[in-house]
Amino acid sequence: MNGTTFTFVAGATSTGTSIGVGDSVGHLLAAIDAVTGTSVASSVSGGKVTLNTGTTSNLVISGSALAKIGLVAGTTALTPPALSGETLTIGATGGGTATSVTFGAGAGQISTLNQLNAALAANNLQAGISTTGVINIVTSNDAASSTIGTIGGTAAASGQAFNSLTAAAAVADPNSQAARANLIAQYNNVLQQINTTSQDSSFNGINLLNGDTLKLTFNETGKSTLNIIGVTFNIAGLGLSTLTTGTDFLDNSSANKVLTSLGAASTTLRSEASSLGSNLSIVQIRQDFSKNLINVLQTGSSNLTLADTNEEAANSQALSTRQSIAVSALALANQSQQSVLQLLR
């Protein structure tokens, strides 16, 4: 290992690089650690040997005995720099929060890949380990089109684990961009339809979706009125704008911005629909009131001007008869009084 030859010899005693086959595995591991200079002792547990690489040299293993213990000749483990106490800073990426971490096993420090990813999440970044054991940091889906922020800290210095980490720009996938360009074209076409619809929504020269105002008069004196103020509901009035291929819909973040704008526009439309619905209810109520009033007036007018001639002729004849009887009764009464006066004389 590392140019040092370890020889298995008979007996139970190990001396230097001569390892007794009857000795403990721990003595062999201690001898290996002395060569690599590791600060963390190699160990064996449950029949599994763990060799820790050193800080003074890389761990290179070879020899005829490797196949007997399940290793492949030439197995190499690169010596990682000691990260305990080192820092790593990454500038804000894709609207995220700048990252600043300290490696180590202490409170608030980073010692595992999961902890590193948890610290990077707020900055739209995620870390992974390649097949060669190199830690890579890339942007997450929400900020896939963004360039990683400025990288700094002692862990990114020369000879350190993150020295090769660079703030590389994202590489666009042609097929993905073609699909997104098609979506942008469809979206812009819908916006154009919104503009034409708002312009064509006029009646009798009044367009409440193009800023016009409608004044309704409910009585003959003009004192009872209702003013309906229109709105400008083209794409600008709704807070929407056309998208640009190669700039928009590049990642989740840009798509979510458009969704937020659409949500706000939908809320605005619902609010205006509620306002117009309230005004419509007022107009319908006044219309029903006016219709009922017209019916009442027409009924009264008909009662005054329209009559059944037969019924009215009978009523007139009855009245004439009553008047004749009254006159005859009065005449008889006067005659009776004269007869009484004649007797008294």
Protein backbone atom coordinates (compact mmCIF):
# COMPACT_ATOMS: atom_id res chain seq x y z
CA MET A 1 0.00 0.00 0.00
CA ASN A 2 1.42 3.38 -1.11
CA GLY A 3 4.72 1.68 -1.99
CA THR A 4 4.86 -0.16 1.35
CA THR A 5 4.72 -3.94 1.22
CA PHE A 6 2.80 -5.77 3.91
CA THR A 7 3.71 -9.45 4.19
CA PHE A 8 1.59 -12.08 5.87
CA VAL A 9 3.84 -14.41 7.93
CA ALA A 10 3.24 -17.44 10.08
CA GLY A 11 2.63 -16.95 13.77
CA ALA A 12 0.47 -14.76 15.93
CA THR A 13 2.84 -11.84 16.22
CA SER A 14 2.98 -8.83 13.88
CA THR A 15 6.04 -6.66 13.59
CA GLY A 16 6.09 -3.53 11.42
CA THR A 17 4.99 -4.59 7.95
CA SER A 18 5.14 -8.30 8.75
CA ILE A 19 1.62 -9.28 9.73
CA GLY A 20 1.16 -12.53 11.59
CA VAL A 21 -1.74 -14.55 10.23
CA GLY A 22 -2.73 -15.38 13.77
CA ASP A 23 -2.73 -11.75 14.90
CA SER A 24 -5.81 -9.48 15.06
CA VAL A 25 -7.14 -7.53 12.10
CA GLY A 26 -6.86 -4.42 14.21
CA HIS A 27 -3.06 -4.62 14.12
CA LEU A 28 -3.13 -4.76 10.30
CA LEU A 29 -5.43 -1.73 10.14
CA ALA A 30 -3.21 0.19 12.56
CA ALA A 31 -0.20 -0.56 10.36
CA ILE A 32 -2.07 0.71 7.26
CA ASP A 33 -3.19 3.87 9.07
CA ALA A 34 0.42 4.55 10.04
CA VAL A 35 1.33 4.65 6.35
CA THR A 36 -1.58 6.83 5.14
CA GLY A 37 -1.47 9.14 8.13
CA THR A 38 -5.27 9.15 8.55
CA SER A 39 -6.72 11.05 11.46
CA VAL A 40 -9.68 8.65 11.67
CA ALA A 41 -8.67 5.08 12.50
CA SER A 42 -9.75 2.31 10.15
CA SER A 43 -12.05 -0.25 11.73
CA VAL A 44 -13.76 -3.60 11.38
CA SER A 45 -17.37 -4.26 12.37
CA GLY A 46 -19.68 -7.14 11.54
CA GLY A 47 -17.08 -8.69 9.31
CA LYS A 48 -16.75 -5.49 7.27
CA VAL A 49 -13.42 -3.67 7.08
CA THR A 50 -13.50 0.11 6.70
CA LEU A 51 -10.26 1.70 5.48
CA ASN A 52 -10.05 5.45 5.98
CA THR A 53 -7.90 7.38 3.55
CA GLY A 54 -5.19 9.57 4.93
CA THR A 55 -4.23 13.21 4.97
CA THR A 56 -0.56 12.79 4.08
CA SER A 57 -0.99 10.58 1.02
CA ASN A 58 -3.63 8.88 -1.12
CA LEU A 59 -4.63 5.33 -0.35
CA VAL A 60 -3.47 2.98 -3.11
CA ILE A 61 -4.00 -0.77 -2.67
CA SER A 62 -2.47 -3.59 -4.72
CA GLY A 63 -1.12 -7.11 -4.28
CA SER A 64 -1.86 -10.79 -4.78
CA ALA A 65 -3.86 -11.06 -1.55
CA LEU A 66 -6.58 -8.58 -2.66
CA ALA A 67 -8.66 -11.15 -4.53
CA LYS A 68 -8.79 -13.35 -1.44
CA ILE A 69 -10.41 -10.55 0.56
CA GLY A 70 -12.77 -9.37 -2.20
CA LEU A 71 -10.88 -6.31 -3.47
CA VAL A 72 -9.76 -5.44 -6.99
CA ALA A 73 -6.09 -4.76 -7.64
CA GLY A 74 -5.35 -1.08 -8.11
CA THR A 75 -8.28 0.16 -5.94
CA THR A 76 -7.61 3.79 -5.12
CA ALA A 77 -9.30 6.15 -2.71
CA LEU A 78 -8.37 9.78 -3.20
CA THR A 79 -7.42 11.71 -0.12
CA PRO A 80 -10.10 14.31 0.59
CA PRO A 81 -8.97 17.54 2.17
CA ALA A 82 -10.01 17.96 5.79
CA LEU A 83 -13.21 20.09 5.73
CA SER A 84 -13.74 20.50 9.45
CA GLY A 85 -13.94 24.21 10.17
CA GLU A 86 -13.87 25.18 6.46
CA THR A 87 -16.53 27.51 5.04
CA LEU A 88 -18.39 27.64 1.73
CA THR A 89 -20.38 30.61 0.44
CA ILE A 90 -22.55 30.77 -2.69
CA GLY A 91 -24.24 33.96 -3.86
CA ALA A 92 -28.00 34.23 -4.41
CA THR A 93 -29.09 32.04 -7.32
CA GLY A 94 -32.34 32.48 -9.25
CA GLY A 95 -33.85 34.78 -6.64
CA GLY A 96 -32.87 32.47 -3.78
CA THR A 97 -31.14 33.24 -0.49
CA ALA A 98 -27.35 33.33 -0.46
CA THR A 99 -25.76 30.25 1.15
CA SER A 100 -23.09 30.32 3.87
CA VAL A 101 -22.16 27.05 5.59
CA THR A 102 -19.44 25.79 7.88
CA PHE A 103 -18.34 22.15 7.69
CA GLY A 104 -17.87 20.10 10.81
CA ALA A 105 -19.66 18.00 13.40
CA GLY A 106 -20.58 20.87 15.72
CA ALA A 107 -23.98 22.47 16.23
CA GLY A 108 -25.19 24.19 13.06
CA GLN A 109 -22.33 22.76 10.99
CA ILE A 110 -22.53 20.54 7.90
CA SER A 111 -21.26 16.98 8.02
CA THR A 112 -23.56 15.03 5.65
CA LEU A 113 -24.86 15.40 2.10
CA ASN A 114 -28.43 15.68 3.37
CA GLN A 115 -27.48 18.56 5.65
CA LEU A 116 -25.70 20.29 2.76
CA ASN A 117 -28.79 19.94 0.55
CA ALA A 118 -30.98 21.32 3.31
CA ALA A 119 -28.73 24.38 3.50
CA LEU A 120 -28.72 24.80 -0.31
CA ALA A 121 -32.49 24.44 -0.79
CA ALA A 122 -33.25 28.09 0.02
CA ASN A 123 -30.78 29.15 -2.68
CA ASN A 124 -32.39 26.99 -5.40
CA LEU A 125 -29.40 24.62 -5.39
CA GLN A 126 -28.86 20.91 -4.79
CA ALA A 127 -25.75 18.81 -4.28
CA GLY A 128 -24.93 15.30 -5.44
CA ILE A 129 -21.98 12.94 -5.65
CA SER A 130 -20.79 11.76 -9.05
CA THR A 131 -19.66 8.22 -9.85
CA THR A 132 -16.07 9.39 -9.35
CA GLY A 133 -16.81 10.65 -5.86
CA VAL A 134 -16.85 14.34 -6.78
CA ILE A 135 -19.45 16.60 -5.14
CA ASN A 136 -21.43 18.55 -7.73
CA ILE A 137 -23.71 21.48 -7.01
CA VAL A 138 -26.34 22.40 -9.61
CA THR A 139 -29.44 24.59 -9.77
CA SER A 140 -32.80 23.06 -8.86
CA ASN A 141 -35.75 22.85 -11.25
CA ASP A 142 -37.21 26.13 -9.97
CA ALA A 143 -34.14 28.05 -11.14
CA ALA A 144 -32.82 25.71 -13.81
CA SER A 145 -32.01 28.58 -16.19
CA SER A 146 -30.07 30.59 -13.62
CA THR A 147 -26.30 30.81 -13.18
CA ILE A 148 -24.95 29.68 -9.82
CA GLY A 149 -24.03 32.65 -7.64
CA THR A 150 -20.48 33.67 -6.79
CA ILE A 151 -18.62 30.88 -4.97
CA GLY A 152 -16.27 31.64 -2.10
CA GLY A 153 -15.08 30.47 1.30
CA THR A 154 -12.04 28.51 2.48
CA ALA A 155 -13.51 25.21 1.23
CA ALA A 156 -13.29 26.56 -2.35
CA ALA A 157 -9.64 27.57 -2.04
CA SER A 158 -6.82 25.85 -3.88
CA GLY A 159 -6.41 22.21 -2.88
CA GLN A 160 -9.79 22.09 -1.11
CA ALA A 161 -12.79 19.86 -1.90
CA PHE A 162 -14.83 22.63 -3.59
CA ASN A 163 -11.97 24.22 -5.51
CA SER A 164 -13.28 22.82 -8.81
CA LEU A 165 -16.80 24.19 -8.20
CA THR A 166 -17.56 26.92 -10.73
CA ALA A 167 -20.48 29.27 -11.26
CA ALA A 168 -21.42 27.73 -14.59
CA ALA A 169 -24.41 28.89 -16.60
CA ALA A 170 -27.20 26.45 -17.39
CA VAL A 171 -27.14 24.56 -20.69
CA ALA A 172 -30.50 24.64 -22.46
CA ASP A 173 -31.93 21.43 -23.91
CA PRO A 174 -33.01 22.02 -27.56
CA ASN A 175 -36.01 19.67 -27.44
CA SER A 176 -37.25 21.21 -24.21
CA GLN A 177 -36.84 24.73 -25.57
CA ALA A 178 -38.79 23.81 -28.73
CA ALA A 179 -41.70 22.55 -26.63
CA ARG A 180 -41.60 25.67 -24.45
CA ALA A 181 -41.51 27.92 -27.54
CA ASN A 182 -44.72 26.23 -28.74
CA LEU A 183 -46.36 26.90 -25.37
CA ILE A 184 -45.31 30.55 -25.53
CA ALA A 185 -46.88 30.88 -29.00
CA GLN A 186 -50.17 29.42 -27.71
CA TYR A 187 -50.13 31.70 -24.67
CA ASN A 188 -49.52 34.83 -26.77
CA ASN A 189 -52.37 33.82 -29.09
CA VAL A 190 -54.76 33.59 -26.13
CA LEU A 191 -53.68 37.07 -25.00
CA GLN A 192 -54.45 38.42 -28.47
CA GLN A 193 -57.95 36.92 -28.23
CA ILE A 194 -58.44 38.65 -24.87
CA ASN A 195 -57.62 41.99 -26.50
CA THR A 196 -60.01 41.51 -29.42
CA THR A 197 -62.80 40.25 -27.15
CA SER A 198 -62.57 43.31 -24.88
CA GLN A 199 -62.67 45.61 -27.93
CA ASP A 200 -65.71 43.87 -29.42
CA SER A 201 -67.78 43.89 -26.21
CA SER A 202 -69.84 46.98 -27.05
CA PHE A 203 -73.62 47.49 -27.25
CA ASN A 204 -75.30 50.63 -28.58
CA GLY A 205 -71.92 52.33 -28.63
CA ILE A 206 -71.15 51.56 -24.96
CA ASN A 207 -68.26 49.22 -24.10
CA LEU A 208 -67.94 48.64 -20.35
CA LEU A 209 -64.79 46.57 -20.94
CA ASN A 210 -63.06 49.42 -22.75
CA GLY A 211 -63.38 52.19 -20.18
CA ASP A 212 -66.85 53.58 -21.14
CA THR A 213 -69.40 54.75 -18.53
CA LEU A 214 -73.11 53.91 -18.71
CA LYS A 215 -75.68 56.25 -17.09
CA LEU A 216 -79.16 54.83 -16.45
CA THR A 217 -82.18 57.09 -15.69
CA PHE A 218 -85.08 55.50 -13.80
CA ASN A 219 -87.73 58.26 -13.57
CA GLU A 220 -89.20 61.03 -15.71
CA THR A 221 -87.49 63.84 -13.79
CA GLY A 222 -84.01 62.37 -14.21
CA LYS A 223 -83.29 62.49 -10.47
CA SER A 224 -83.10 58.71 -10.03
CA THR A 225 -80.01 57.48 -11.87
CA LEU A 226 -77.30 54.82 -11.77
CA ASN A 227 -73.78 55.32 -13.13
CA ILE A 228 -71.91 52.16 -14.15
CA ILE A 229 -68.22 52.90 -14.57
CA GLY A 230 -66.49 50.68 -17.11
CA VAL A 231 -63.02 49.13 -16.90
CA THR A 232 -60.21 48.57 -19.39
CA PHE A 233 -59.82 44.81 -19.50
CA ASN A 234 -57.32 44.26 -22.27
CA ILE A 235 -54.15 42.33 -21.38
CA ALA A 236 -52.51 45.50 -19.99
CA GLY A 237 -55.50 46.21 -17.76
CA LEU A 238 -55.39 42.64 -16.45
CA GLY A 239 -51.68 42.87 -15.67
CA LEU A 240 -50.66 40.38 -18.36
CA SER A 241 -47.98 40.66 -21.02
CA THR A 242 -46.78 38.64 -23.97
CA LEU A 243 -43.94 36.18 -23.46
CA THR A 244 -40.63 35.99 -25.29
CA THR A 245 -39.13 32.76 -26.60
CA GLY A 246 -35.78 32.04 -24.99
CA THR A 247 -36.53 34.29 -22.03
CA ASP A 248 -39.78 33.01 -20.51
CA PHE A 249 -40.93 29.52 -19.55
CA LEU A 250 -37.31 28.43 -19.08
CA ASP A 251 -37.81 26.88 -15.65
CA ASN A 252 -40.33 26.42 -12.85
CA SER A 253 -39.68 29.87 -11.45
CA SER A 254 -40.48 31.72 -14.69
CA ALA A 255 -43.55 29.53 -15.27
CA ASN A 256 -44.79 30.20 -11.72
CA LYS A 257 -44.50 33.96 -12.32
CA VAL A 258 -46.88 33.64 -15.27
CA LEU A 259 -49.25 31.49 -13.21
CA THR A 260 -49.23 34.14 -10.47
CA SER A 261 -50.14 36.82 -13.04
CA LEU A 262 -52.96 34.65 -14.39
CA GLY A 263 -54.27 34.07 -10.87
CA ALA A 264 -54.31 37.82 -10.18
CA ALA A 265 -56.08 38.48 -13.51
CA SER A 266 -58.68 35.83 -12.71
CA THR A 267 -59.33 37.44 -9.32
CA THR A 268 -59.75 40.85 -10.99
CA LEU A 269 -62.25 39.42 -13.49
CA ARG A 270 -64.28 37.77 -10.72
CA SER A 271 -64.38 41.03 -8.77
CA GLU A 272 -65.60 43.01 -11.78
CA ALA A 273 -68.14 40.29 -12.64
CA SER A 274 -69.51 40.58 -9.10
CA SER A 275 -69.77 44.37 -9.45
CA LEU A 276 -71.57 44.15 -12.81
CA GLY A 277 -73.85 41.45 -11.42
CA SER A 278 -74.82 43.74 -8.53
CA ASN A 279 -75.62 46.58 -10.94
CA LEU A 280 -77.63 44.18 -13.12
CA SER A 281 -79.72 43.20 -10.09
CA ILE A 282 -80.47 46.87 -9.40
CA VAL A 283 -81.52 47.44 -13.02
CA GLN A 284 -83.73 44.34 -13.00
CA ILE A 285 -85.41 45.41 -9.75
CA ARG A 286 -86.13 48.88 -11.13
CA GLN A 287 -87.35 47.35 -14.38
CA ASP A 288 -89.77 45.07 -12.51
CA PHE A 289 -90.96 48.02 -10.41
CA SER A 290 -91.58 50.15 -13.52
CA LYS A 291 -93.48 47.31 -15.22
CA ASN A 292 -95.71 46.80 -12.15
CA LEU A 293 -96.37 50.55 -11.92
CA ILE A 294 -97.31 50.67 -15.60
CA ASN A 295 -99.74 47.78 -15.10
CA VAL A 296 -101.39 49.54 -12.15
CA LEU A 297 -101.80 52.78 -14.10
CA GLN A 298 -103.14 50.97 -17.15
CA THR A 299 -105.69 49.09 -15.02
CA GLY A 300 -106.89 52.36 -13.41
CA SER A 301 -107.12 54.07 -16.77
CA SER A 302 -109.10 51.18 -18.19
CA ASN A 303 -111.48 51.27 -15.23
CA LEU A 304 -112.06 54.99 -15.83
CA THR A 305 -112.48 54.92 -19.60
CA LEU A 306 -113.78 51.50 -20.50
CA ALA A 307 -117.36 50.46 -19.50
CA ASP A 308 -120.03 47.85 -20.34
CA THR A 309 -122.85 49.83 -22.11
CA ASN A 310 -125.58 47.39 -21.14
CA GLU A 311 -124.59 47.52 -17.48
CA GLU A 312 -124.32 51.29 -17.47
CA ALA A 313 -127.74 51.64 -19.27
CA ALA A 314 -129.38 49.45 -16.66
CA ASN A 315 -127.76 51.48 -13.88
CA SER A 316 -129.01 54.71 -15.50
CA GLN A 317 -132.55 53.36 -15.85
CA ALA A 318 -132.60 52.22 -12.24
CA LEU A 319 -131.43 55.65 -11.10
CA SER A 320 -134.15 57.36 -13.20
CA THR A 321 -136.81 55.07 -11.75
CA ARG A 322 -135.66 55.82 -8.19
CA GLN A 323 -135.80 59.54 -8.88
CA SER A 324 -139.38 59.27 -10.34
CA ILE A 325 -140.61 57.33 -7.35
CA ALA A 326 -139.08 59.87 -4.98
CA VAL A 327 -140.88 62.74 -6.81
CA SER A 328 -144.22 60.90 -6.73
CA ALA A 329 -143.83 60.15 -3.03
CA LEU A 330 -143.08 63.79 -2.31
CA ALA A 331 -146.14 64.89 -4.32
CA LEU A 332 -148.42 62.52 -2.39
CA ALA A 333 -147.05 63.75 0.86
CA ASN A 334 -147.81 67.34 -0.09
CA GLN A 335 -151.34 66.42 -1.08
CA SER A 336 -151.97 64.74 2.26
CA GLN A 337 -150.86 67.83 4.13
CA GLN A 338 -153.32 70.00 2.13
CA SER A 339 -156.21 67.66 2.95
CA VAL A 340 -155.51 67.89 6.68
CA LEU A 341 -155.43 71.70 6.50
CA GLN A 342 -158.86 71.71 4.81
CA LEU A 343 -160.36 69.74 7.66
CA LEU A 344 -158.98 72.11 10.26
CA ARG A 345 -160.57 75.07 8.51
